[in-house]
Amino acid sequence: MESVTNDTVYAAVEILGSCEQVDDEVERRIRSLVAEDLTMRRLVAFIPEAFGWVVVSHLPGGMEMSFPGFTVQEGGGPFPLTCEPIFTEAVKIAQFIFHNGPRHLIENIANRSAILGATNNVLNEGGSLKGSTFAWCVPLPASLYDQTRSAIPNVS
């Protein structure tokens, strides 16, 4: 797994946040930040989920949801979110931006997340987040992640 610096994650956040959708041009710009295509895919997959998680955590009942982790295309997992360093760094960035701005970054990025989409569906149907469990499948190979199980980071 290619190592990614905090600065690279932030640069990808700026690219993703400047556009309303991910297209070939956005992927090309993010790809120019890293050495491997797989790393670009990790950035595009996990940054929106981190931003969505931060938004959901600020909704009534959002902190009462369970996030068991993610699965991957080969059926591996669930893996804890903390085994993906891009996710954990993106959560820190999203927390800062949520509280300090600029707001368009939160909106443009979080609106792409499966977490926020599923949460909106539950709330629009009159459901509650309390006791909800959310997991998703990421189109990445299981070989990227080890089987270490660690705690999912808190968001605030």
Protein backbone atom coordinates (compact mmCIF):
# COMPACT_ATOMS: atom_id res chain seq x y z
CA MET A 1 0.00 0.00 0.00
CA GLU A 2 1.44 3.34 -1.07
CA SER A 3 2.00 5.70 1.82
CA VAL A 4 0.19 9.03 1.52
CA THR A 5 1.17 12.21 3.35
CA ASN A 6 -1.26 14.48 5.16
CA ASP A 7 -0.47 17.16 2.57
CA THR A 8 -1.46 14.80 -0.24
CA VAL A 9 -4.79 14.00 1.43
CA TYR A 10 -5.43 17.73 1.90
CA ALA A 11 -4.56 18.43 -1.76
CA ALA A 12 -7.02 15.72 -2.82
CA VAL A 13 -9.66 17.29 -0.53
CA GLU A 14 -9.16 20.62 -2.26
CA ILE A 15 -9.54 19.01 -5.68
CA LEU A 16 -12.62 17.00 -4.69
CA GLY A 17 -14.16 19.99 -2.94
CA SER A 18 -13.74 22.30 -5.90
CA CYS A 19 -15.98 20.16 -8.12
CA GLU A 20 -19.57 19.01 -7.81
CA GLN A 21 -18.84 15.58 -9.29
CA VAL A 22 -15.89 13.29 -9.83
CA ASP A 23 -15.07 12.94 -13.51
CA ASP A 24 -12.03 11.90 -15.52
CA GLU A 25 -10.42 15.33 -15.08
CA VAL A 26 -10.79 15.21 -11.28
CA GLU A 27 -9.36 11.69 -11.19
CA ARG A 28 -6.47 12.78 -13.43
CA ARG A 29 -5.68 15.69 -11.08
CA ILE A 30 -5.76 13.45 -8.02
CA ARG A 31 -3.73 10.79 -9.84
CA SER A 32 -0.99 13.39 -10.40
CA LEU A 33 -0.57 13.62 -6.62
CA VAL A 34 0.37 9.94 -6.12
CA ALA A 35 2.45 7.19 -7.69
CA GLU A 36 -0.22 4.48 -8.05
CA ASP A 37 -3.69 4.28 -9.61
CA LEU A 38 -4.85 2.27 -6.60
CA THR A 39 -3.91 5.13 -4.29
CA MET A 40 -5.94 7.55 -6.39
CA ARG A 41 -8.90 5.19 -6.05
CA ARG A 42 -8.42 5.10 -2.26
CA LEU A 43 -8.41 8.91 -2.11
CA VAL A 44 -11.56 9.16 -4.25
CA ALA A 45 -13.34 6.43 -2.25
CA PHE A 46 -12.48 7.30 1.35
CA ILE A 47 -12.37 11.11 1.46
CA PRO A 48 -16.11 11.50 0.74
CA GLU A 49 -16.96 8.84 3.35
CA ALA A 50 -14.88 10.64 5.99
CA PHE A 51 -16.62 13.93 5.20
CA GLY A 52 -20.02 12.23 5.22
CA TRP A 53 -19.24 10.62 8.56
CA VAL A 54 -18.39 13.98 10.11
CA VAL A 55 -21.63 15.52 8.81
CA VAL A 56 -23.72 12.57 10.04
CA SER A 57 -22.04 12.67 13.45
CA HIS A 58 -23.44 16.18 13.91
CA LEU A 59 -27.04 15.15 13.19
CA PRO A 60 -29.41 14.23 16.04
CA GLY A 61 -28.71 10.57 16.79
CA GLY A 62 -25.71 10.51 14.47
CA MET A 63 -23.26 9.65 17.23
CA GLU A 64 -25.45 6.67 18.13
CA MET A 65 -24.90 4.96 14.78
CA SER A 66 -22.59 1.96 14.53
CA PHE A 67 -19.92 1.83 11.82
CA PRO A 68 -18.59 -1.73 11.77
CA GLY A 69 -16.20 -1.02 8.93
CA PHE A 70 -16.04 -1.62 5.22
CA THR A 71 -15.83 -4.57 2.91
CA VAL A 72 -13.94 -4.74 -0.37
CA GLN A 73 -14.67 -6.07 -3.84
CA GLU A 74 -13.19 -9.50 -3.17
CA GLY A 75 -15.53 -10.02 -0.23
CA GLY A 76 -12.88 -9.29 2.39
CA GLY A 77 -13.77 -7.58 5.62
CA PRO A 78 -15.29 -5.97 7.35
CA PHE A 79 -12.13 -4.01 7.96
CA PRO A 80 -12.07 -1.32 10.63
CA LEU A 81 -12.06 2.18 9.18
CA THR A 82 -8.84 2.89 11.06
CA CYS A 83 -6.90 0.47 8.85
CA GLU A 84 -7.23 3.01 6.02
CA PRO A 85 -4.91 5.94 6.80
CA ILE A 86 -6.54 8.11 4.14
CA PHE A 87 -9.87 7.80 5.96
CA THR A 88 -8.42 8.69 9.37
CA GLU A 89 -6.57 11.73 8.02
CA ALA A 90 -9.60 12.84 6.01
CA VAL A 91 -11.75 12.69 9.18
CA LYS A 92 -9.35 15.14 10.88
CA ILE A 93 -9.47 17.47 7.89
CA ALA A 94 -13.27 17.20 7.64
CA GLN A 95 -13.68 17.99 11.36
CA PHE A 96 -11.58 21.11 10.99
CA ILE A 97 -13.40 22.26 7.85
CA PHE A 98 -16.82 21.47 9.35
CA HIS A 99 -16.13 23.84 12.22
CA ASN A 100 -14.00 26.46 10.43
CA GLY A 101 -14.93 26.38 6.75
CA PRO A 102 -14.93 26.73 3.90
CA ARG A 103 -18.40 25.14 3.83
CA HIS A 104 -18.42 24.40 0.09
CA LEU A 105 -15.74 21.76 0.66
CA ILE A 106 -17.96 19.93 3.15
CA GLU A 107 -21.00 20.14 0.88
CA ASN A 108 -19.28 19.10 -2.35
CA ILE A 109 -17.42 16.21 -0.77
CA ALA A 110 -19.91 14.87 1.81
CA ASN A 111 -22.73 14.86 -0.73
CA ARG A 112 -20.83 12.10 -2.61
CA SER A 113 -20.66 9.80 0.38
CA ALA A 114 -22.66 6.61 0.76
CA ILE A 115 -22.87 7.31 4.51
CA LEU A 116 -24.67 10.62 4.01
CA GLY A 117 -26.86 9.22 1.23
CA ALA A 118 -28.01 6.29 3.37
CA THR A 119 -28.58 8.59 6.34
CA ASN A 120 -30.70 10.92 4.23
CA ASN A 121 -32.76 7.95 3.06
CA VAL A 122 -33.42 6.81 6.64
CA LEU A 123 -34.37 10.29 7.82
CA ASN A 124 -36.52 11.06 4.75
CA GLU A 125 -38.48 7.86 5.44
CA GLY A 126 -39.10 8.98 9.01
CA GLY A 127 -36.59 6.58 10.53
CA SER A 128 -34.16 7.15 13.35
CA LEU A 129 -30.38 6.96 13.36
CA LYS A 130 -30.33 5.61 16.92
CA GLY A 131 -29.11 2.03 16.83
CA SER A 132 -28.51 2.12 13.07
CA THR A 133 -25.58 0.24 11.58
CA PHE A 134 -23.83 1.36 8.43
CA ALA A 135 -21.25 -0.48 6.35
CA TRP A 136 -20.28 -0.20 2.73
CA CYS A 137 -18.28 -1.96 0.05
CA VAL A 138 -15.27 -0.23 -1.44
CA PRO A 139 -14.04 -1.22 -4.93
CA LEU A 140 -10.52 -2.08 -3.75
CA PRO A 141 -8.66 -5.39 -3.35
CA ALA A 142 -8.67 -7.05 0.09
CA SER A 143 -4.90 -7.52 -0.15
CA LEU A 144 -4.45 -3.82 0.74
CA TYR A 145 -5.67 -4.29 4.29
CA ASP A 146 -4.44 -6.43 7.12
CA GLN A 147 -6.74 -8.19 9.55
CA THR A 148 -5.80 -5.98 12.51
CA ARG A 149 -8.96 -4.89 14.29
CA SER A 150 -8.70 -1.55 16.08
CA ALA A 151 -11.13 1.01 17.42
CA ILE A 152 -12.89 3.35 15.04
CA PRO A 153 -11.87 6.97 15.75
CA ASN A 154 -14.36 9.32 17.42
CA VAL A 155 -15.47 12.42 15.57
CA SER A 156 -16.52 15.69 17.09
